[in-house]
Amino acid sequence: MASGKMKQWVTAQDGLANLQQVEADVPQPKEGEVLVKINAVSLNYRDTEVIMGLYGHHASVAQSQSLVPCSDMCGTIITPDSANTWRAGQRISAIFNQTHLSGQIQEQDMSSGLGLPLPGVLTQYRCFPASSLVAVPDYLTDEEASCLPIACVTAWMAVNGFRLLGQPARDMGGKETVLIQGTGGVAIAGLQIAHAAGLKTIVTSSSDAKLVRAQKDFGADATINYRSNQDWERAVLDATDGKGADIIFENGGARTLRKSFDCVAFGGLINCIGYLSGKEDDPGDRVNTNVLALKRNVTLKGLLNGPKERFEEMVKFYAESGIRPVVDRVVGFEQAREGLEYLYSGGHFGKVVVRID
């Protein structure tokens, strides 16, 4: 059993510049818990919002003045639970909302989110309920496996959340088209999943270099630079012979949602995942959402990650398809602040990971 002191990062939710590294006691597992040595932590845009005090749009998430940030990790079990659900030395990841094990998320599950309201994983050791862990495939590195919980599970749910458990999209032969906004962690995971499932993919970005990489290295069928082509919704319709995209990764928010409605297929799905272009609409471009949804019989779905059972389903698909999460940059534990600043700058392609030595 590990004992003694450890290092961890803490935030008072007052800015990235004020993130501090402190010393703490190595925790000891309670009944039903396991002690995990954290090997790698992948960073999410949510983490930067929490640290900057900007993550307040979920009324059911109680705010905490000071906490360990970040939610995604790969670690090694040091002390198993008393029921021997896990063994020492196993590599695992933890689900984001610790109580969300199956089915649709419930409001009470929001109180079990890692990195707010619960303490997060930017630390050397942490205890987890044995029920909240998922074994990671041997072929993935610690850094790759740390990307699974939020980015990959969210992407998986965007593509498969309306399909029956155990029957994900596969070998669709281009019958469905997925529109993916951007080239961040969720976006690239979605591109990999959709491509492996045989879906047609369209990727948007403001960077031609990133679009070239999305097409050349990851099989995007079409790419659109939304900065040089501001009417990108028309380009989506052109790329789909006027049909539109069946599934949309709506990562932009205020400046992209209207365009997503304009290029979604009849009966299609818009997954509301992020809001990188803002949280408030331009009053001059506002049309009642009911009208937009009715226009093309659209499903508009707020997406808050997924349950453990879908995480395990995704891991099986990853192993069968040989998918490796894309890591843009790895920084050391001492450089965690710099890693978060780089992520916030938006220059990454895929994920940014902190290696916990």
Protein backbone atom coordinates (compact mmCIF):
# COMPACT_ATOMS: atom_id res chain seq x y z
CA MET A 1 0.00 0.00 0.00
CA ALA A 2 1.31 3.42 -0.94
CA SER A 3 1.81 5.88 1.88
CA GLY A 4 3.48 9.19 2.56
CA LYS A 5 3.26 12.39 0.53
CA MET A 6 2.39 13.13 -3.07
CA LYS A 7 2.16 16.11 -5.41
CA GLN A 8 -0.99 17.48 -6.99
CA TRP A 9 -2.25 20.59 -8.74
CA VAL A 10 -5.09 22.63 -7.23
CA THR A 11 -7.20 25.50 -8.48
CA ALA A 12 -9.29 28.13 -6.72
CA GLN A 13 -11.10 28.58 -10.06
CA ASP A 14 -9.45 31.98 -10.48
CA GLY A 15 -7.42 31.51 -13.66
CA LEU A 16 -4.82 29.32 -15.32
CA ALA A 17 -2.01 31.54 -14.08
CA ASN A 18 -3.03 30.83 -10.47
CA LEU A 19 -2.98 27.05 -10.74
CA GLN A 20 -0.74 25.80 -7.94
CA GLN A 21 1.19 22.62 -7.20
CA VAL A 22 0.90 21.46 -3.59
CA GLU A 23 1.87 18.51 -1.43
CA ALA A 24 -0.77 16.22 0.08
CA ASP A 25 -1.05 12.89 1.85
CA VAL A 26 -1.43 9.82 -0.33
CA PRO A 27 -5.11 8.82 0.14
CA GLN A 28 -6.11 5.48 1.58
CA PRO A 29 -9.00 3.54 -0.01
CA LYS A 30 -12.28 3.09 1.83
CA GLU A 31 -14.53 0.05 1.54
CA GLY A 32 -15.36 -0.56 -2.13
CA GLU A 33 -12.55 1.69 -3.37
CA VAL A 34 -9.18 1.08 -5.03
CA LEU A 35 -6.02 3.15 -4.83
CA VAL A 36 -4.67 4.12 -8.24
CA LYS A 37 -1.31 5.53 -9.26
CA ILE A 38 -2.04 8.08 -11.99
CA ASN A 39 0.20 7.60 -15.03
CA ALA A 40 -1.19 10.13 -17.52
CA VAL A 41 -3.90 12.81 -17.60
CA SER A 42 -5.46 14.09 -20.81
CA LEU A 43 -6.74 17.67 -20.80
CA ASN A 44 -10.16 18.91 -21.90
CA TYR A 45 -11.54 22.35 -22.69
CA ARG A 46 -13.85 21.81 -19.71
CA ASP A 47 -10.78 21.71 -17.46
CA THR A 48 -9.71 25.18 -18.57
CA GLU A 49 -13.21 26.53 -17.95
CA VAL A 50 -13.28 25.06 -14.45
CA ILE A 51 -9.87 26.53 -13.62
CA MET A 52 -10.93 29.92 -14.99
CA GLY A 53 -14.21 29.91 -13.02
CA LEU A 54 -16.32 29.86 -16.19
CA TYR A 55 -18.01 26.46 -15.87
CA GLY A 56 -21.34 27.51 -14.41
CA HIS A 57 -24.01 26.47 -16.90
CA HIS A 58 -25.00 23.30 -15.02
CA ALA A 59 -27.12 24.37 -12.06
CA SER A 60 -26.92 20.86 -10.60
CA VAL A 61 -23.11 20.98 -10.38
CA ALA A 62 -22.20 22.45 -7.01
CA GLN A 63 -19.29 24.84 -7.20
CA SER A 64 -16.17 24.22 -5.12
CA GLN A 65 -13.75 27.00 -4.33
CA SER A 66 -10.62 24.86 -4.31
CA LEU A 67 -10.13 21.47 -5.93
CA VAL A 68 -7.84 19.24 -7.95
CA PRO A 69 -8.81 19.79 -11.62
CA CYS A 70 -9.08 17.45 -14.64
CA SER A 71 -11.12 14.33 -15.21
CA ASP A 72 -9.40 11.99 -17.69
CA MET A 73 -6.68 9.58 -16.72
CA CYS A 74 -4.98 6.26 -17.18
CA GLY A 75 -3.53 4.70 -14.07
CA THR A 76 -2.32 1.51 -12.43
CA ILE A 77 -4.09 -0.13 -9.52
CA ILE A 78 -1.94 -0.19 -6.41
CA THR A 79 -4.43 -1.43 -3.80
CA PRO A 80 -7.39 -3.53 -5.08
CA ASP A 81 -10.85 -3.42 -3.49
CA SER A 82 -11.78 -6.00 -0.87
CA ALA A 83 -14.05 -7.82 -3.33
CA ASN A 84 -11.10 -8.28 -5.70
CA THR A 85 -12.95 -6.72 -8.61
CA TRP A 86 -9.54 -5.54 -9.77
CA ARG A 87 -6.01 -6.79 -9.25
CA ALA A 88 -2.86 -4.88 -8.44
CA GLY A 89 -0.99 -3.83 -11.56
CA GLN A 90 -4.04 -3.56 -13.83
CA ARG A 91 -4.25 -0.45 -16.02
CA ILE A 92 -7.55 1.36 -15.92
CA SER A 93 -9.39 4.56 -16.78
CA ALA A 94 -12.18 6.08 -14.70
CA ILE A 95 -15.56 7.12 -16.03
CA PHE A 96 -16.24 10.87 -15.94
CA ASN A 97 -19.46 10.88 -13.89
CA GLN A 98 -18.61 8.26 -11.30
CA THR A 99 -22.19 7.06 -10.71
CA HIS A 100 -23.31 6.98 -14.36
CA LEU A 101 -23.08 3.24 -15.00
CA SER A 102 -25.89 2.61 -17.48
CA GLY A 103 -28.67 4.24 -19.47
CA GLN A 104 -29.49 7.92 -19.73
CA ILE A 105 -27.71 10.23 -17.32
CA GLN A 106 -29.77 11.46 -14.38
CA GLU A 107 -29.42 14.81 -12.66
CA GLN A 108 -27.97 13.23 -9.52
CA ASP A 109 -25.13 11.75 -11.59
CA MET A 110 -23.91 15.29 -12.28
CA SER A 111 -22.77 15.55 -8.67
CA SER A 112 -20.26 12.73 -9.30
CA GLY A 113 -18.24 14.41 -12.06
CA LEU A 114 -14.46 14.30 -11.73
CA GLY A 115 -12.69 17.66 -11.73
CA LEU A 116 -15.88 19.45 -10.53
CA PRO A 117 -17.69 18.95 -8.33
CA LEU A 118 -15.51 16.01 -7.18
CA PRO A 119 -11.74 16.39 -6.91
CA GLY A 120 -10.08 15.56 -10.21
CA VAL A 121 -7.09 13.54 -11.34
CA LEU A 122 -4.19 15.99 -11.81
CA THR A 123 -2.44 14.24 -8.95
CA GLN A 124 -0.06 11.36 -8.40
CA TYR A 125 -2.51 9.07 -6.56
CA ARG A 126 -6.28 8.92 -6.21
CA CYS A 127 -8.89 6.55 -4.83
CA PHE A 128 -11.86 5.54 -7.00
CA PRO A 129 -14.96 3.40 -6.43
CA ALA A 130 -14.22 0.00 -7.96
CA SER A 131 -17.46 0.27 -9.95
CA SER A 132 -16.29 3.43 -11.74
CA LEU A 133 -13.28 1.90 -13.50
CA VAL A 134 -12.83 0.46 -16.99
CA ALA A 135 -9.93 -1.73 -18.10
CA VAL A 136 -7.93 -0.26 -20.98
CA PRO A 137 -6.54 -2.29 -23.90
CA ASP A 138 -2.93 -3.44 -23.64
CA TYR A 139 -2.04 -2.01 -27.07
CA LEU A 140 -2.65 1.59 -25.97
CA THR A 141 0.03 3.62 -24.24
CA ASP A 142 -0.81 5.34 -20.96
CA GLU A 143 -1.02 8.65 -22.81
CA GLU A 144 -3.39 7.27 -25.43
CA ALA A 145 -5.58 5.49 -22.88
CA SER A 146 -5.92 8.67 -20.81
CA CYS A 147 -7.84 10.23 -23.74
CA LEU A 148 -10.69 7.71 -23.59
CA PRO A 149 -13.07 8.96 -20.85
CA ILE A 150 -14.40 12.31 -22.10
CA ALA A 151 -13.23 12.95 -25.66
CA CYS A 152 -13.62 9.42 -26.99
CA VAL A 153 -16.76 8.44 -25.06
CA THR A 154 -18.45 11.71 -26.04
CA ALA A 155 -17.58 11.08 -29.68
CA TRP A 156 -18.80 7.50 -29.37
CA MET A 157 -22.14 8.66 -27.98
CA ALA A 158 -22.50 11.27 -30.74
CA VAL A 159 -22.26 8.50 -33.34
CA ASN A 160 -23.92 5.63 -31.44
CA GLY A 161 -25.99 7.07 -28.60
CA PHE A 162 -29.27 6.46 -30.41
CA ARG A 163 -28.31 2.92 -31.44
CA LEU A 164 -28.94 -0.12 -29.25
CA LEU A 165 -26.22 -1.05 -26.78
CA GLY A 166 -23.98 -3.63 -28.41
CA GLN A 167 -25.05 -2.68 -31.93
CA PRO A 168 -22.88 0.33 -32.87
CA ALA A 169 -22.52 1.59 -36.40
CA ARG A 170 -20.24 -0.64 -38.44
CA ASP A 171 -19.65 -1.14 -42.15
CA MET A 172 -22.31 1.39 -43.08
CA GLY A 173 -20.76 1.84 -46.52
CA GLY A 174 -21.16 5.60 -46.51
CA LYS A 175 -24.93 5.42 -45.94
CA GLU A 176 -24.62 8.00 -43.17
CA THR A 177 -22.62 11.21 -43.26
CA VAL A 178 -21.05 12.71 -40.14
CA LEU A 179 -20.14 16.41 -40.02
CA ILE A 180 -17.37 17.11 -37.52
CA GLN A 181 -16.60 20.68 -36.49
CA GLY A 182 -12.96 21.30 -35.67
CA THR A 183 -9.94 19.12 -34.96
CA GLY A 184 -9.83 18.99 -31.17
CA GLY A 185 -10.04 15.90 -28.99
CA VAL A 186 -13.72 15.04 -29.43
CA ALA A 187 -13.62 15.95 -33.12
CA ILE A 188 -10.66 13.73 -34.03
CA ALA A 189 -12.03 10.88 -31.93
CA GLY A 190 -15.30 11.23 -33.83
CA LEU A 191 -13.46 11.18 -37.14
CA GLN A 192 -11.63 7.99 -36.17
CA ILE A 193 -14.79 6.26 -34.93
CA ALA A 194 -16.90 7.26 -37.93
CA HIS A 195 -14.21 6.27 -40.41
CA ALA A 196 -13.70 2.88 -38.75
CA ALA A 197 -17.48 2.32 -38.85
CA GLY A 198 -17.63 2.98 -42.58
CA LEU A 199 -19.45 6.32 -42.34
CA LYS A 200 -18.79 9.24 -44.68
CA THR A 201 -17.03 12.10 -42.88
CA ILE A 202 -16.78 15.86 -43.41
CA VAL A 203 -14.44 17.94 -41.27
CA THR A 204 -14.39 21.72 -40.84
CA SER A 205 -11.48 23.80 -39.57
CA SER A 206 -9.91 27.23 -40.00
CA SER A 207 -6.53 25.59 -40.70
CA ASP A 208 -5.75 24.14 -44.13
CA ALA A 209 -2.83 22.22 -42.64
CA LYS A 210 -5.12 20.50 -40.12
CA LEU A 211 -7.63 19.70 -42.84
CA VAL A 212 -4.93 18.12 -44.98
CA ARG A 213 -3.90 15.96 -42.03
CA ALA A 214 -7.53 15.00 -41.27
CA GLN A 215 -7.94 13.81 -44.85
CA LYS A 216 -4.53 12.27 -45.47
CA ASP A 217 -3.91 10.59 -42.12
CA PHE A 218 -7.41 9.88 -40.83
CA GLY A 219 -9.55 9.34 -43.90
CA ALA A 220 -11.86 12.37 -43.92
CA ASP A 221 -13.93 12.18 -47.10
CA ALA A 222 -14.33 15.94 -47.43
CA THR A 223 -12.89 18.99 -45.69
CA ILE A 224 -14.06 22.61 -45.47
CA ASN A 225 -12.15 25.67 -44.28
CA TYR A 226 -14.87 27.66 -42.54
CA ARG A 227 -12.75 30.81 -42.45
CA SER A 228 -12.14 31.02 -46.20
CA ASN A 229 -15.58 29.54 -46.92
CA GLN A 230 -17.94 31.31 -44.54
CA ASP A 231 -20.97 29.69 -46.20
CA TRP A 232 -19.67 26.31 -45.15
CA GLU A 233 -23.18 24.94 -44.64
CA ARG A 234 -23.68 25.18 -48.41
CA ALA A 235 -20.42 23.30 -48.94
CA VAL A 236 -21.77 20.52 -46.69
CA LEU A 237 -24.90 20.30 -48.81
CA ASP A 238 -22.77 20.21 -51.98
CA ALA A 239 -20.63 17.40 -50.53
CA THR A 240 -23.76 15.36 -49.76
CA ASP A 241 -25.60 16.01 -53.05
CA GLY A 242 -28.06 18.25 -51.24
CA LYS A 243 -29.03 15.71 -48.57
CA GLY A 244 -27.09 17.17 -45.64
CA ALA A 245 -25.27 15.48 -42.76
CA ASP A 246 -27.06 12.73 -40.84
CA ILE A 247 -25.04 13.33 -37.67
CA ILE A 248 -23.45 16.64 -36.68
CA PHE A 249 -20.81 17.21 -34.00
CA GLU A 250 -21.99 20.70 -32.98
CA ASN A 251 -18.84 21.92 -31.23
CA GLY A 252 -19.09 25.61 -32.05
CA GLY A 253 -22.23 26.90 -30.37
CA ALA A 254 -23.47 30.42 -30.92
CA ARG A 255 -21.94 31.02 -34.36
CA THR A 256 -22.38 27.54 -35.79
CA LEU A 257 -25.70 26.11 -34.60
CA ARG A 258 -27.83 27.98 -37.13
CA LYS A 259 -25.58 26.75 -39.94
CA SER A 260 -25.81 23.21 -38.57
CA PHE A 261 -29.60 23.41 -38.80
CA ASP A 262 -29.23 24.56 -42.40
CA CYS A 263 -27.11 21.58 -43.46
CA VAL A 264 -28.47 18.71 -41.37
CA ALA A 265 -30.23 15.91 -43.24
CA PHE A 266 -33.98 15.52 -42.94
CA GLY A 267 -34.50 13.47 -39.78
CA GLY A 268 -30.89 14.05 -38.79
CA LEU A 269 -29.20 14.45 -35.41
CA ILE A 270 -27.37 17.50 -34.08
CA ASN A 271 -25.26 16.69 -31.02
CA CYS A 272 -24.70 19.81 -28.90
CA ILE A 273 -21.24 19.12 -27.52
CA GLY A 274 -19.35 22.40 -27.17
CA TYR A 275 -19.52 26.15 -27.53
CA LEU A 276 -16.10 27.27 -28.72
CA SER A 277 -17.65 30.14 -30.70
CA GLY A 278 -19.60 31.42 -27.71
CA LYS A 279 -22.56 30.69 -25.44
CA GLU A 280 -24.88 33.54 -26.45
CA ASP A 281 -26.58 33.94 -29.83
CA ASP A 282 -26.26 37.02 -31.99
CA PRO A 283 -29.69 38.70 -31.54
CA GLY A 284 -29.69 39.70 -35.20
CA ASP A 285 -29.49 36.07 -36.38
CA ARG A 286 -31.99 34.45 -34.05
CA VAL A 287 -34.71 32.14 -35.33
CA ASN A 288 -36.94 30.17 -33.00
CA THR A 289 -35.38 26.76 -32.39
CA ASN A 290 -38.75 25.05 -32.77
CA VAL A 291 -38.97 26.34 -36.33
CA LEU A 292 -35.44 25.21 -37.14
CA ALA A 293 -36.04 21.73 -35.69
CA LEU A 294 -39.38 21.30 -37.43
CA LYS A 295 -38.01 22.48 -40.76
CA ARG A 296 -36.07 19.26 -41.28
CA ASN A 297 -37.50 17.01 -38.56
CA VAL A 298 -34.29 17.38 -36.55
CA THR A 299 -33.26 15.83 -33.24
CA LEU A 300 -31.26 18.31 -31.15
CA LYS A 301 -29.44 16.44 -28.36
CA GLY A 302 -27.43 17.86 -25.51
CA LEU A 303 -24.57 15.42 -24.98
CA LEU A 304 -23.01 14.88 -21.55
CA ASN A 305 -20.56 12.04 -22.13
CA GLY A 306 -21.90 8.50 -21.60
CA PRO A 307 -22.31 5.64 -19.10
CA LYS A 308 -19.81 2.97 -18.15
CA GLU A 309 -21.58 0.35 -20.28
CA ARG A 310 -21.10 2.45 -23.44
CA PHE A 311 -17.47 3.17 -22.44
CA GLU A 312 -16.84 -0.58 -22.31
CA GLU A 313 -18.65 -1.03 -25.63
CA MET A 314 -16.40 1.64 -27.17
CA VAL A 315 -13.21 0.06 -25.81
CA LYS A 316 -14.16 -3.22 -27.48
CA PHE A 317 -14.73 -1.41 -30.80
CA TYR A 318 -11.40 0.42 -30.45
CA ALA A 319 -9.55 -2.85 -29.85
CA GLU A 320 -11.25 -4.58 -32.79
CA SER A 321 -10.56 -1.61 -35.08
CA GLY A 322 -7.07 -0.82 -33.80
CA ILE A 323 -7.95 2.83 -33.09
CA ARG A 324 -5.32 4.81 -31.23
CA PRO A 325 -6.37 8.19 -29.77
CA VAL A 326 -4.41 11.05 -31.33
CA VAL A 327 -2.04 12.79 -28.91
CA ASP A 328 -0.84 16.17 -30.14
CA ARG A 329 1.55 16.95 -27.29
CA VAL A 330 2.77 15.38 -24.03
CA VAL A 331 4.05 17.58 -21.21
CA GLY A 332 5.55 16.64 -17.86
CA PHE A 333 3.74 16.95 -14.55
CA GLU A 334 5.66 20.11 -13.72
CA GLN A 335 4.51 21.68 -17.01
CA ALA A 336 0.78 20.98 -16.49
CA ARG A 337 -0.06 24.70 -16.52
CA GLU A 338 1.72 25.16 -19.85
CA GLY A 339 -0.19 22.20 -21.26
CA LEU A 340 -3.51 23.74 -20.25
CA GLU A 341 -2.52 27.09 -21.76
CA TYR A 342 -1.57 25.39 -25.02
CA LEU A 343 -4.91 23.56 -25.08
CA TYR A 344 -6.78 26.81 -24.45
CA SER A 345 -4.94 28.50 -27.33
CA GLY A 346 -6.65 26.09 -29.75
CA GLY A 347 -3.53 25.13 -31.66
CA HIS A 348 -3.77 21.42 -30.93
CA PHE A 349 -4.79 18.57 -33.24
CA GLY A 350 -6.24 15.83 -31.05
CA LYS A 351 -5.34 15.69 -27.37
CA VAL A 352 -2.88 17.30 -24.96
CA VAL A 353 -1.62 14.95 -22.22
CA VAL A 354 0.23 15.41 -18.93
CA ARG A 355 2.60 12.61 -18.06
CA ILE A 356 2.57 11.94 -14.29
CA ASP A 357 6.06 10.71 -13.35
